[in-house]
Amino acid sequence: WSTTDRSASEVPPHLTGCQVTFRHRINAEDTDIEGIIKTVNDELIPGLREMDGFVLYGWLGTSDGRISFNIWETPEQLAAGDKYVADFVATHPIITTNGTTDVYAGTIGYADVLGGE
């Protein structure tokens, strides 16, 4: 994962009211996960971190693929971040998947992923 450079005290307490998008992608047979991780770390994350309202980007491995998620402070910032991620995926052929991507979005009620200070 990658979090904002801001301290936990500079984002909404317990991320309450922040916006999140989850994307479940099924790995294609030839998916190079290490290559994707390197591309994401080297090229996607720096751009996200420069955007207003960025809080966190992360990945979870699943039995058939991976779930990526990003957290933003406002719905408008989430929309901009989602567009940035979609454009990035479309222009990086190393990010392979099978089938359609399931996308879920919502508002965070409570989370402690950034920890306290």
PDB file of N, CA and C in Angstrom:
ATOM      1  N   TRP A   1       0.791  -1.189   0.000  1.00  0.00           N
ATOM      2  CA  TRP A   1       0.000   0.000   0.000  1.00  0.00           C
ATOM      3  C   TRP A   1       0.839   1.261   0.000  1.00  0.00           C
ATOM      4  N   SER A   2       0.161   2.364  -0.223  1.00  0.00           N
ATOM      5  CA  SER A   2       0.810   3.661  -0.150  1.00  0.00           C
ATOM      6  C   SER A   2      -0.193   4.640   0.445  1.00  0.00           C
ATOM      7  N   THR A   3       0.274   5.381   1.430  1.00  0.00           N
ATOM      8  CA  THR A   3      -0.603   6.351   2.079  1.00  0.00           C
ATOM      9  C   THR A   3      -0.150   7.765   1.757  1.00  0.00           C
ATOM     10  N   THR A   4      -0.996   8.699   2.082  1.00  0.00           N
ATOM     11  CA  THR A   4      -0.666  10.104   1.945  1.00  0.00           C
ATOM     12  C   THR A   4       0.548  10.443   2.797  1.00  0.00           C
ATOM     13  N   ASP A   5       1.235  11.492   2.419  1.00  0.00           N
ATOM     14  CA  ASP A   5       2.349  11.979   3.232  1.00  0.00           C
ATOM     15  C   ASP A   5       1.854  12.741   4.456  1.00  0.00           C
ATOM     16  N   ARG A   6       0.575  13.104   4.434  1.00  0.00           N
ATOM     17  CA  ARG A   6       0.014  13.849   5.554  1.00  0.00           C
ATOM     18  C   ARG A   6      -0.111  12.937   6.773  1.00  0.00           C
ATOM     19  N   SER A   7      -0.073  13.515   7.945  1.00  0.00           N
ATOM     20  CA  SER A   7      -0.236  12.723   9.162  1.00  0.00           C
ATOM     21  C   SER A   7      -1.716  12.349   9.320  1.00  0.00           C
ATOM     22  N   ALA A   8      -1.955  11.341  10.147  1.00  0.00           N
ATOM     23  CA  ALA A   8      -3.331  10.902  10.392  1.00  0.00           C
ATOM     24  C   ALA A   8      -4.184  12.036  10.956  1.00  0.00           C
ATOM     25  N   SER A   9      -3.578  12.976  11.658  1.00  0.00           N
ATOM     26  CA  SER A   9      -4.349  14.099  12.218  1.00  0.00           C
ATOM     27  C   SER A   9      -4.770  15.113  11.147  1.00  0.00           C
ATOM     28  N   GLU A  10      -4.229  14.986   9.931  1.00  0.00           N
ATOM     29  CA  GLU A  10      -4.571  15.913   8.853  1.00  0.00           C
ATOM     30  C   GLU A  10      -5.657  15.381   7.920  1.00  0.00           C
ATOM     31  N   VAL A  11      -6.115  14.170   8.151  1.00  0.00           N
ATOM     32  CA  VAL A  11      -7.223  13.607   7.370  1.00  0.00           C
ATOM     33  C   VAL A  11      -8.403  13.416   8.312  1.00  0.00           C
ATOM     34  N   PRO A  12      -9.610  13.225   7.792  1.00  0.00           N
ATOM     35  CA  PRO A  12     -10.759  13.065   8.682  1.00  0.00           C
ATOM     36  C   PRO A  12     -10.519  11.951   9.716  1.00  0.00           C
ATOM     37  N   PRO A  13     -10.917  12.201  10.957  1.00  0.00           N
ATOM     38  CA  PRO A  13     -10.712  11.190  12.005  1.00  0.00           C
ATOM     39  C   PRO A  13     -11.330   9.850  11.613  1.00  0.00           C
ATOM     40  N   HIS A  14     -10.533   8.810  11.719  1.00  0.00           N
ATOM     41  CA  HIS A  14     -10.950   7.436  11.375  1.00  0.00           C
ATOM     42  C   HIS A  14     -11.516   7.338   9.964  1.00  0.00           C
ATOM     43  N   LEU A  15     -11.100   8.281   9.118  1.00  0.00           N
ATOM     44  CA  LEU A  15     -11.511   8.332   7.706  1.00  0.00           C
ATOM     45  C   LEU A  15     -13.021   8.453   7.527  1.00  0.00           C
ATOM     46  N   THR A  16     -13.705   8.824   8.597  1.00  0.00           N
ATOM     47  CA  THR A  16     -15.159   8.964   8.536  1.00  0.00           C
ATOM     48  C   THR A  16     -15.548   9.963   7.445  1.00  0.00           C
ATOM     49  N   GLY A  17     -16.402   9.501   6.535  1.00  0.00           N
ATOM     50  CA  GLY A  17     -16.864  10.340   5.440  1.00  0.00           C
ATOM     51  C   GLY A  17     -15.985  10.295   4.207  1.00  0.00           C
ATOM     52  N   CYS A  18     -14.807   9.689   4.312  1.00  0.00           N
ATOM     53  CA  CYS A  18     -13.961   9.552   3.127  1.00  0.00           C
ATOM     54  C   CYS A  18     -14.610   8.587   2.141  1.00  0.00           C
ATOM     55  N   GLN A  19     -14.180   8.672   0.904  1.00  0.00           N
ATOM     56  CA  GLN A  19     -14.749   7.873  -0.180  1.00  0.00           C
ATOM     57  C   GLN A  19     -13.775   6.775  -0.584  1.00  0.00           C
ATOM     58  N   VAL A  20     -14.308   5.616  -0.952  1.00  0.00           N
ATOM     59  CA  VAL A  20     -13.455   4.483  -1.317  1.00  0.00           C
ATOM     60  C   VAL A  20     -14.009   3.784  -2.550  1.00  0.00           C
ATOM     61  N   THR A  21     -13.099   3.313  -3.386  1.00  0.00           N
ATOM     62  CA  THR A  21     -13.446   2.453  -4.514  1.00  0.00           C
ATOM     63  C   THR A  21     -12.635   1.177  -4.394  1.00  0.00           C
ATOM     64  N   PHE A  22     -13.306   0.035  -4.566  1.00  0.00           N
ATOM     65  CA  PHE A  22     -12.659  -1.275  -4.622  1.00  0.00           C
ATOM     66  C   PHE A  22     -12.836  -1.824  -6.029  1.00  0.00           C
ATOM     67  N   ARG A  23     -11.785  -2.418  -6.595  1.00  0.00           N
ATOM     68  CA  ARG A  23     -11.858  -3.059  -7.909  1.00  0.00           C
ATOM     69  C   ARG A  23     -11.346  -4.486  -7.789  1.00  0.00           C
ATOM     70  N   HIS A  24     -12.194  -5.458  -8.123  1.00  0.00           N
ATOM     71  CA  HIS A  24     -11.772  -6.854  -8.110  1.00  0.00           C
ATOM     72  C   HIS A  24     -11.463  -7.272  -9.546  1.00  0.00           C
ATOM     73  N   ARG A  25     -10.205  -7.589  -9.782  1.00  0.00           N
ATOM     74  CA  ARG A  25      -9.765  -8.020 -11.106  1.00  0.00           C
ATOM     75  C   ARG A  25      -9.344  -9.478 -11.043  1.00  0.00           C
ATOM     76  N   ILE A  26      -9.781 -10.251 -12.029  1.00  0.00           N
ATOM     77  CA  ILE A  26      -9.388 -11.657 -12.162  1.00  0.00           C
ATOM     78  C   ILE A  26      -8.091 -11.689 -12.969  1.00  0.00           C
ATOM     79  N   ASN A  27      -7.092 -12.370 -12.455  1.00  0.00           N
ATOM     80  CA  ASN A  27      -5.819 -12.445 -13.158  1.00  0.00           C
ATOM     81  C   ASN A  27      -5.943 -13.265 -14.434  1.00  0.00           C
ATOM     82  N   ALA A  28      -5.406 -12.722 -15.529  1.00  0.00           N
ATOM     83  CA  ALA A  28      -5.263 -13.501 -16.749  1.00  0.00           C
ATOM     84  C   ALA A  28      -4.184 -14.566 -16.502  1.00  0.00           C
ATOM     85  N   GLU A  29      -4.195 -15.600 -17.317  1.00  0.00           N
ATOM     86  CA  GLU A  29      -3.256 -16.713 -17.114  1.00  0.00           C
ATOM     87  C   GLU A  29      -1.802 -16.250 -17.097  1.00  0.00           C
ATOM     88  N   ASP A  30      -1.462 -15.286 -17.926  1.00  0.00           N
ATOM     89  CA  ASP A  30      -0.075 -14.835 -18.045  1.00  0.00           C
ATOM     90  C   ASP A  30       0.237 -13.590 -17.210  1.00  0.00           C
ATOM     91  N   THR A  31      -0.580 -13.290 -16.214  1.00  0.00           N
ATOM     92  CA  THR A  31      -0.396 -12.083 -15.411  1.00  0.00           C
ATOM     93  C   THR A  31       0.952 -12.108 -14.693  1.00  0.00           C
ATOM     94  N   ASP A  32       1.683 -11.032 -14.852  1.00  0.00           N
ATOM     95  CA  ASP A  32       2.972 -10.836 -14.186  1.00  0.00           C
ATOM     96  C   ASP A  32       2.744  -9.924 -12.981  1.00  0.00           C
ATOM     97  N   ILE A  33       2.365 -10.521 -11.868  1.00  0.00           N
ATOM     98  CA  ILE A  33       2.020  -9.733 -10.674  1.00  0.00           C
ATOM     99  C   ILE A  33       3.197  -8.864 -10.231  1.00  0.00           C
ATOM    100  N   GLU A  34       4.396  -9.405 -10.205  1.00  0.00           N
ATOM    101  CA  GLU A  34       5.559  -8.608  -9.787  1.00  0.00           C
ATOM    102  C   GLU A  34       5.773  -7.428 -10.731  1.00  0.00           C
ATOM    103  N   GLY A  35       5.554  -7.636 -12.021  1.00  0.00           N
ATOM    104  CA  GLY A  35       5.663  -6.550 -12.990  1.00  0.00           C
ATOM    105  C   GLY A  35       4.604  -5.481 -12.768  1.00  0.00           C
ATOM    106  N   ILE A  36       3.385  -5.931 -12.475  1.00  0.00           N
ATOM    107  CA  ILE A  36       2.306  -4.975 -12.192  1.00  0.00           C
ATOM    108  C   ILE A  36       2.633  -4.173 -10.938  1.00  0.00           C
ATOM    109  N   ILE A  37       3.077  -4.844  -9.897  1.00  0.00           N
ATOM    110  CA  ILE A  37       3.407  -4.154  -8.646  1.00  0.00           C
ATOM    111  C   ILE A  37       4.490  -3.112  -8.888  1.00  0.00           C
ATOM    112  N   LYS A  38       5.520  -3.467  -9.636  1.00  0.00           N
ATOM    113  CA  LYS A  38       6.587  -2.510  -9.941  1.00  0.00           C
ATOM    114  C   LYS A  38       6.040  -1.315 -10.730  1.00  0.00           C
ATOM    115  N   THR A  39       5.222  -1.583 -11.745  1.00  0.00           N
ATOM    116  CA  THR A  39       4.645  -0.506 -12.555  1.00  0.00           C
ATOM    117  C   THR A  39       3.769   0.402 -11.704  1.00  0.00           C
ATOM    118  N   VAL A  40       2.948  -0.184 -10.857  1.00  0.00           N
ATOM    119  CA  VAL A  40       2.077   0.599  -9.978  1.00  0.00           C
ATOM    120  C   VAL A  40       2.911   1.452  -9.027  1.00  0.00           C
ATOM    121  N   ASN A  41       3.914   0.837  -8.396  1.00  0.00           N
ATOM    122  CA  ASN A  41       4.749   1.585  -7.449  1.00  0.00           C
ATOM    123  C   ASN A  41       5.542   2.695  -8.125  1.00  0.00           C
ATOM    124  N   ASP A  42       6.093   2.403  -9.304  1.00  0.00           N
ATOM    125  CA  ASP A  42       6.949   3.370  -9.988  1.00  0.00           C
ATOM    126  C   ASP A  42       6.174   4.464 -10.707  1.00  0.00           C
ATOM    127  N   GLU A  43       4.988   4.142 -11.226  1.00  0.00           N
ATOM    128  CA  GLU A  43       4.310   5.076 -12.115  1.00  0.00           C
ATOM    129  C   GLU A  43       2.929   5.544 -11.643  1.00  0.00           C
ATOM    130  N   LEU A  44       2.137   4.659 -11.043  1.00  0.00           N
ATOM    131  CA  LEU A  44       0.789   5.059 -10.624  1.00  0.00           C
ATOM    132  C   LEU A  44       0.807   5.798  -9.290  1.00  0.00           C
ATOM    133  N   ILE A  45       1.432   5.214  -8.302  1.00  0.00           N
ATOM    134  CA  ILE A  45       1.413   5.768  -6.944  1.00  0.00           C
ATOM    135  C   ILE A  45       1.931   7.210  -6.890  1.00  0.00           C
ATOM    136  N   PRO A  46       3.051   7.536  -7.529  1.00  0.00           N
ATOM    137  CA  PRO A  46       3.509   8.935  -7.440  1.00  0.00           C
ATOM    138  C   PRO A  46       2.470   9.933  -7.955  1.00  0.00           C
ATOM    139  N   GLY A  47       1.780   9.609  -9.024  1.00  0.00           N
ATOM    140  CA  GLY A  47       0.743  10.502  -9.549  1.00  0.00           C
ATOM    141  C   GLY A  47      -0.432  10.638  -8.599  1.00  0.00           C
ATOM    142  N   LEU A  48      -0.862   9.512  -8.016  1.00  0.00           N
ATOM    143  CA  LEU A  48      -1.967   9.561  -7.057  1.00  0.00           C
ATOM    144  C   LEU A  48      -1.605  10.417  -5.853  1.00  0.00           C
ATOM    145  N   ARG A  49      -0.380  10.247  -5.359  1.00  0.00           N
ATOM    146  CA  ARG A  49       0.038  10.963  -4.157  1.00  0.00           C
ATOM    147  C   ARG A  49       0.084  12.471  -4.357  1.00  0.00           C
ATOM    148  N   GLU A  50       0.208  12.924  -5.605  1.00  0.00           N
ATOM    149  CA  GLU A  50       0.234  14.356  -5.890  1.00  0.00           C
ATOM    150  C   GLU A  50      -1.167  14.962  -5.992  1.00  0.00           C
ATOM    151  N   MET A  51      -2.193  14.125  -6.058  1.00  0.00           N
ATOM    152  CA  MET A  51      -3.556  14.608  -6.247  1.00  0.00           C
ATOM    153  C   MET A  51      -4.173  15.060  -4.923  1.00  0.00           C
ATOM    154  N   ASP A  52      -4.965  16.125  -4.990  1.00  0.00           N
ATOM    155  CA  ASP A  52      -5.661  16.627  -3.800  1.00  0.00           C
ATOM    156  C   ASP A  52      -6.589  15.560  -3.231  1.00  0.00           C
ATOM    157  N   GLY A  53      -6.560  15.417  -1.922  1.00  0.00           N
ATOM    158  CA  GLY A  53      -7.485  14.531  -1.235  1.00  0.00           C
ATOM    159  C   GLY A  53      -7.083  13.079  -1.185  1.00  0.00           C
ATOM    160  N   PHE A  54      -5.924  12.708  -1.777  1.00  0.00           N
ATOM    161  CA  PHE A  54      -5.490  11.310  -1.735  1.00  0.00           C
ATOM    162  C   PHE A  54      -5.207  10.895  -0.295  1.00  0.00           C
ATOM    163  N   VAL A  55      -5.711   9.715   0.076  1.00  0.00           N
ATOM    164  CA  VAL A  55      -5.469   9.183   1.415  1.00  0.00           C
ATOM    165  C   VAL A  55      -4.701   7.873   1.341  1.00  0.00           C
ATOM    166  N   LEU A  56      -5.139   6.928   0.500  1.00  0.00           N
ATOM    167  CA  LEU A  56      -4.511   5.608   0.503  1.00  0.00           C
ATOM    168  C   LEU A  56      -4.814   4.859  -0.789  1.00  0.00           C
ATOM    169  N   TYR A  57      -3.837   4.081  -1.264  1.00  0.00           N
ATOM    170  CA  TYR A  57      -4.032   3.130  -2.356  1.00  0.00           C
ATOM    171  C   TYR A  57      -3.463   1.808  -1.871  1.00  0.00           C
ATOM    172  N   GLY A  58      -4.187   0.719  -2.104  1.00  0.00           N
ATOM    173  CA  GLY A  58      -3.690  -0.576  -1.657  1.00  0.00           C
ATOM    174  C   GLY A  58      -4.175  -1.717  -2.527  1.00  0.00           C
ATOM    175  N   TRP A  59      -3.596  -2.884  -2.270  1.00  0.00           N
ATOM    176  CA  TRP A  59      -3.931  -4.124  -2.983  1.00  0.00           C
ATOM    177  C   TRP A  59      -4.115  -5.253  -1.988  1.00  0.00           C
ATOM    178  N   LEU A  60      -5.028  -6.142  -2.309  1.00  0.00           N
ATOM    179  CA  LEU A  60      -5.190  -7.399  -1.578  1.00  0.00           C
ATOM    180  C   LEU A  60      -5.186  -8.520  -2.608  1.00  0.00           C
ATOM    181  N   GLY A  61      -4.433  -9.569  -2.348  1.00  0.00           N
ATOM    182  CA  GLY A  61      -4.468 -10.728  -3.234  1.00  0.00           C
ATOM    183  C   GLY A  61      -5.689 -11.574  -2.928  1.00  0.00           C
ATOM    184  N   THR A  62      -6.289 -12.154  -3.969  1.00  0.00           N
ATOM    185  CA  THR A  62      -7.404 -13.074  -3.813  1.00  0.00           C
ATOM    186  C   THR A  62      -7.027 -14.394  -4.461  1.00  0.00           C
ATOM    187  N   SER A  63      -7.851 -15.400  -4.293  1.00  0.00           N
ATOM    188  CA  SER A  63      -7.540 -16.706  -4.870  1.00  0.00           C
ATOM    189  C   SER A  63      -7.514 -16.674  -6.393  1.00  0.00           C
ATOM    190  N   ASP A  64      -8.218 -15.720  -7.001  1.00  0.00           N
ATOM    191  CA  ASP A  64      -8.277 -15.669  -8.462  1.00  0.00           C
ATOM    192  C   ASP A  64      -7.732 -14.370  -9.058  1.00  0.00           C
ATOM    193  N   GLY A  65      -7.268 -13.462  -8.220  1.00  0.00           N
ATOM    194  CA  GLY A  65      -6.800 -12.192  -8.756  1.00  0.00           C
ATOM    195  C   GLY A  65      -6.356 -11.249  -7.672  1.00  0.00           C
ATOM    196  N   ARG A  66      -6.883 -10.040  -7.720  1.00  0.00           N
ATOM    197  CA  ARG A  66      -6.508  -9.040  -6.740  1.00  0.00           C
ATOM    198  C   ARG A  66      -7.615  -8.004  -6.622  1.00  0.00           C
ATOM    199  N   ILE A  67      -7.641  -7.364  -5.464  1.00  0.00           N
ATOM    200  CA  ILE A  67      -8.551  -6.257  -5.208  1.00  0.00           C
ATOM    201  C   ILE A  67      -7.678  -5.037  -4.945  1.00  0.00           C
ATOM    202  N   SER A  68      -7.872  -4.011  -5.739  1.00  0.00           N
ATOM    203  CA  SER A  68      -7.192  -2.747  -5.470  1.00  0.00           C
ATOM    204  C   SER A  68      -8.227  -1.783  -4.901  1.00  0.00           C
ATOM    205  N   PHE A  69      -7.757  -0.872  -4.080  1.00  0.00           N
ATOM    206  CA  PHE A  69      -8.676   0.097  -3.505  1.00  0.00           C
ATOM    207  C   PHE A  69      -7.974   1.427  -3.319  1.00  0.00           C
ATOM    208  N   ASN A  70      -8.745   2.479  -3.440  1.00  0.00           N
ATOM    209  CA  ASN A  70      -8.211   3.808  -3.184  1.00  0.00           C
ATOM    210  C   ASN A  70      -9.212   4.598  -2.353  1.00  0.00           C
ATOM    211  N   ILE A  71      -8.651   5.440  -1.472  1.00  0.00           N
ATOM    212  CA  ILE A  71      -9.446   6.237  -0.543  1.00  0.00           C
ATOM    213  C   ILE A  71      -9.119   7.710  -0.763  1.00  0.00           C
ATOM    214  N   TRP A  72     -10.186   8.520  -0.820  1.00  0.00           N
ATOM    215  CA  TRP A  72     -10.082   9.962  -1.043  1.00  0.00           C
ATOM    216  C   TRP A  72     -10.976  10.670  -0.045  1.00  0.00           C
ATOM    217  N   GLU A  73     -10.731  11.945   0.157  1.00  0.00           N
ATOM    218  CA  GLU A  73     -11.517  12.699   1.130  1.00  0.00           C
ATOM    219  C   GLU A  73     -12.919  13.045   0.650  1.00  0.00           C
ATOM    220  N   THR A  74     -13.105  13.366  -0.630  1.00  0.00           N
ATOM    221  CA  THR A  74     -14.419  13.811  -1.107  1.00  0.00           C
ATOM    222  C   THR A  74     -14.847  13.005  -2.332  1.00  0.00           C
ATOM    223  N   PRO A  75     -16.142  13.020  -2.652  1.00  0.00           N
ATOM    224  CA  PRO A  75     -16.610  12.332  -3.861  1.00  0.00           C
ATOM    225  C   PRO A  75     -15.959  12.872  -5.138  1.00  0.00           C
ATOM    226  N   GLU A  76     -15.739  14.167  -5.209  1.00  0.00           N
ATOM    227  CA  GLU A  76     -15.112  14.758  -6.394  1.00  0.00           C
ATOM    228  C   GLU A  76     -13.672  14.286  -6.546  1.00  0.00           C
ATOM    229  N   GLN A  77     -12.954  14.210  -5.443  1.00  0.00           N
ATOM    230  CA  GLN A  77     -11.575  13.733  -5.480  1.00  0.00           C
ATOM    231  C   GLN A  77     -11.538  12.245  -5.836  1.00  0.00           C
ATOM    232  N   LEU A  78     -12.494  11.477  -5.320  1.00  0.00           N
ATOM    233  CA  LEU A  78     -12.593  10.061  -5.671  1.00  0.00           C
ATOM    234  C   LEU A  78     -12.825   9.899  -7.174  1.00  0.00           C
ATOM    235  N   ALA A  79     -13.730  10.695  -7.733  1.00  0.00           N
ATOM    236  CA  ALA A  79     -14.009  10.616  -9.168  1.00  0.00           C
ATOM    237  C   ALA A  79     -12.750  10.919  -9.983  1.00  0.00           C
ATOM    238  N   ALA A  80     -12.005  11.935  -9.574  1.00  0.00           N
ATOM    239  CA  ALA A  80     -10.765  12.273 -10.283  1.00  0.00           C
ATOM    240  C   ALA A  80      -9.741  11.147 -10.137  1.00  0.00           C
ATOM    241  N   GLY A  81      -9.637  10.592  -8.941  1.00  0.00           N
ATOM    242  CA  GLY A  81      -8.711   9.484  -8.718  1.00  0.00           C
ATOM    243  C   GLY A  81      -9.102   8.241  -9.488  1.00  0.00           C
ATOM    244  N   ASP A  82     -10.390   7.927  -9.526  1.00  0.00           N
ATOM    245  CA  ASP A  82     -10.862   6.766 -10.284  1.00  0.00           C
ATOM    246  C   ASP A  82     -10.560   6.938 -11.770  1.00  0.00           C
ATOM    247  N   LYS A  83     -10.752   8.145 -12.289  1.00  0.00           N
ATOM    248  CA  LYS A  83     -10.446   8.404 -13.694  1.00  0.00           C
ATOM    249  C   LYS A  83      -8.952   8.228 -13.946  1.00  0.00           C
ATOM    250  N   TYR A  84      -8.140   8.739 -13.047  1.00  0.00           N
ATOM    251  CA  TYR A  84      -6.686   8.614 -13.174  1.00  0.00           C
ATOM    252  C   TYR A  84      -6.283   7.136 -13.208  1.00  0.00           C
ATOM    253  N   VAL A  85      -6.844   6.337 -12.303  1.00  0.00           N
ATOM    254  CA  VAL A  85      -6.535   4.902 -12.272  1.00  0.00           C
ATOM    255  C   VAL A  85      -7.014   4.225 -13.560  1.00  0.00           C
ATOM    256  N   ALA A  86      -8.224   4.521 -14.006  1.00  0.00           N
ATOM    257  CA  ALA A  86      -8.756   3.906 -15.227  1.00  0.00           C
ATOM    258  C   ALA A  86      -7.895   4.253 -16.434  1.00  0.00           C
ATOM    259  N   ASP A  87      -7.494   5.512 -16.556  1.00  0.00           N
ATOM    260  CA  ASP A  87      -6.635   5.925 -17.665  1.00  0.00           C
ATOM    261  C   ASP A  87      -5.288   5.218 -17.593  1.00  0.00           C
ATOM    262  N   PHE A  88      -4.754   5.079 -16.399  1.00  0.00           N
ATOM    263  CA  PHE A  88      -3.471   4.402 -16.200  1.00  0.00           C
ATOM    264  C   PHE A  88      -3.566   2.947 -16.641  1.00  0.00           C
ATOM    265  N   VAL A  89      -4.596   2.262 -16.187  1.00  0.00           N
ATOM    266  CA  VAL A  89      -4.772   0.845 -16.545  1.00  0.00           C
ATOM    267  C   VAL A  89      -4.912   0.690 -18.059  1.00  0.00           C
ATOM    268  N   ALA A  90      -5.666   1.581 -18.680  1.00  0.00           N
ATOM    269  CA  ALA A  90      -5.894   1.499 -20.128  1.00  0.00           C
ATOM    270  C   ALA A  90      -4.616   1.686 -20.937  1.00  0.00           C
ATOM    271  N   THR A  91      -3.648   2.404 -20.398  1.00  0.00           N
ATOM    272  CA  THR A  91      -2.425   2.688 -21.147  1.00  0.00           C
ATOM    273  C   THR A  91      -1.228   1.829 -20.731  1.00  0.00           C
ATOM    274  N   HIS A  92      -1.454   0.868 -19.850  1.00  0.00           N
ATOM    275  CA  HIS A  92      -0.361  -0.007 -19.388  1.00  0.00           C
ATOM    276  C   HIS A  92      -0.744  -1.474 -19.630  1.00  0.00           C
ATOM    277  N   PRO A  93      -0.327  -2.024 -20.765  1.00  0.00           N
ATOM    278  CA  PRO A  93      -0.733  -3.385 -21.132  1.00  0.00           C
ATOM    279  C   PRO A  93      -0.231  -4.475 -20.184  1.00  0.00           C
ATOM    280  N   ILE A  94       0.705  -4.161 -19.287  1.00  0.00           N
ATOM    281  CA  ILE A  94       1.148  -5.168 -18.328  1.00  0.00           C
ATOM    282  C   ILE A  94       0.031  -5.508 -17.340  1.00  0.00           C
ATOM    283  N   ILE A  95      -0.935  -4.619 -17.189  1.00  0.00           N
ATOM    284  CA  ILE A  95      -2.023  -4.836 -16.230  1.00  0.00           C
ATOM    285  C   ILE A  95      -3.100  -5.675 -16.917  1.00  0.00           C
ATOM    286  N   THR A  96      -2.902  -6.986 -16.870  1.00  0.00           N
ATOM    287  CA  THR A  96      -3.789  -7.926 -17.550  1.00  0.00           C
ATOM    288  C   THR A  96      -4.857  -8.451 -16.603  1.00  0.00           C
ATOM    289  N   THR A  97      -6.036  -8.723 -17.173  1.00  0.00           N
ATOM    290  CA  THR A  97      -7.135  -9.300 -16.411  1.00  0.00           C
ATOM    291  C   THR A  97      -7.947 -10.216 -17.312  1.00  0.00           C
ATOM    292  N   ASN A  98      -8.769 -11.030 -16.706  1.00  0.00           N
ATOM    293  CA  ASN A  98      -9.733 -11.877 -17.398  1.00  0.00           C
ATOM    294  C   ASN A  98     -11.124 -11.376 -17.053  1.00  0.00           C
ATOM    295  N   GLY A  99     -11.970 -11.220 -18.032  1.00  0.00           N
ATOM    296  CA  GLY A  99     -13.350 -10.821 -17.761  1.00  0.00           C
ATOM    297  C   GLY A  99     -13.468  -9.365 -17.385  1.00  0.00           C
ATOM    298  N   THR A 100     -14.589  -9.043 -16.792  1.00  0.00           N
ATOM    299  CA  THR A 100     -14.848  -7.663 -16.399  1.00  0.00           C
ATOM    300  C   THR A 100     -14.382  -7.429 -14.967  1.00  0.00           C
ATOM    301  N   THR A 101     -14.106  -6.190 -14.669  1.00  0.00           N
ATOM    302  CA  THR A 101     -13.702  -5.795 -13.326  1.00  0.00           C
ATOM    303  C   THR A 101     -14.944  -5.435 -12.527  1.00  0.00           C
ATOM    304  N   ASP A 102     -15.077  -6.037 -11.345  1.00  0.00           N
ATOM    305  CA  ASP A 102     -16.161  -5.661 -10.437  1.00  0.00           C
ATOM    306  C   ASP A 102     -15.717  -4.428  -9.659  1.00  0.00           C
ATOM    307  N   VAL A 103     -16.541  -3.390  -9.652  1.00  0.00           N
ATOM    308  CA  VAL A 103     -16.202  -2.138  -8.986  1.00  0.00           C
ATOM    309  C   VAL A 103     -17.253  -1.829  -7.926  1.00  0.00           C
ATOM    310  N   TYR A 104     -16.784  -1.500  -6.743  1.00  0.00           N
ATOM    311  CA  TYR A 104     -17.646  -1.127  -5.630  1.00  0.00           C
ATOM    312  C   TYR A 104     -17.142   0.193  -5.070  1.00  0.00           C
ATOM    313  N   ALA A 105     -18.051   1.087  -4.734  1.00  0.00           N
ATOM    314  CA  ALA A 105     -17.662   2.371  -4.166  1.00  0.00           C
ATOM    315  C   ALA A 105     -18.587   2.705  -3.004  1.00  0.00           C
ATOM    316  N   GLY A 106     -18.080   3.493  -2.083  1.00  0.00           N
ATOM    317  CA  GLY A 106     -18.908   3.874  -0.955  1.00  0.00           C
ATOM    318  C   GLY A 106     -18.239   4.886  -0.059  1.00  0.00           C
ATOM    319  N   THR A 107     -18.914   5.175   1.028  1.00  0.00           N
ATOM    320  CA  THR A 107     -18.443   6.125   2.023  1.00  0.00           C
ATOM    321  C   THR A 107     -17.999   5.358   3.255  1.00  0.00           C
ATOM    322  N   ILE A 108     -16.855   5.713   3.778  1.00  0.00           N
ATOM    323  CA  ILE A 108     -16.316   5.044   4.963  1.00  0.00           C
ATOM    324  C   ILE A 108     -17.012   5.572   6.210  1.00  0.00           C
ATOM    325  N   GLY A 109     -17.469   4.654   7.048  1.00  0.00           N
ATOM    326  CA  GLY A 109     -18.059   5.025   8.320  1.00  0.00           C
ATOM    327  C   GLY A 109     -17.008   5.121   9.409  1.00  0.00           C
ATOM    328  N   TYR A 110     -16.043   4.191   9.390  1.00  0.00           N
ATOM    329  CA  TYR A 110     -14.986   4.169  10.406  1.00  0.00           C
ATOM    330  C   TYR A 110     -13.881   3.249   9.912  1.00  0.00           C
ATOM    331  N   ALA A 111     -12.644   3.688  10.012  1.00  0.00           N
ATOM    332  CA  ALA A 111     -11.472   2.876   9.681  1.00  0.00           C
ATOM    333  C   ALA A 111     -10.295   3.379  10.484  1.00  0.00           C
ATOM    334  N   ASP A 112      -9.350   2.518  10.740  1.00  0.00           N
ATOM    335  CA  ASP A 112      -8.160   2.915  11.480  1.00  0.00           C
ATOM    336  C   ASP A 112      -6.906   2.479  10.737  1.00  0.00           C
ATOM    337  N   VAL A 113      -6.948   2.521   9.395  1.00  0.00           N
ATOM    338  CA  VAL A 113      -5.826   2.021   8.606  1.00  0.00           C
ATOM    339  C   VAL A 113      -4.601   2.918   8.675  1.00  0.00           C
ATOM    340  N   LEU A 114      -4.764   4.198   9.005  1.00  0.00           N
ATOM    341  CA  LEU A 114      -3.606   5.078   9.102  1.00  0.00           C
ATOM    342  C   LEU A 114      -3.032   5.108  10.513  1.00  0.00           C
ATOM    343  N   GLY A 115      -3.745   4.535  11.475  1.00  0.00           N
ATOM    344  CA  GLY A 115      -3.252   4.504  12.846  1.00  0.00           C
ATOM    345  C   GLY A 115      -3.384   5.855  13.538  1.00  0.00           C
ATOM    346  N   GLY A 116      -3.123   5.846  14.800  1.00  0.00           N
ATOM    347  CA  GLY A 116      -3.199   7.074  15.580  1.00  0.00           C
ATOM    348  C   GLY A 116      -1.829   7.665  15.807  1.00  0.00           C
ATOM    349  N   GLU A 117      -1.823   8.844  16.320  1.00  0.00           N
ATOM    350  CA  GLU A 117      -0.545   9.493  16.618  1.00  0.00           C
ATOM    351  C   GLU A 117      -0.451   9.781  18.085  1.00  0.00           C
TER     352      GLU A 117
END
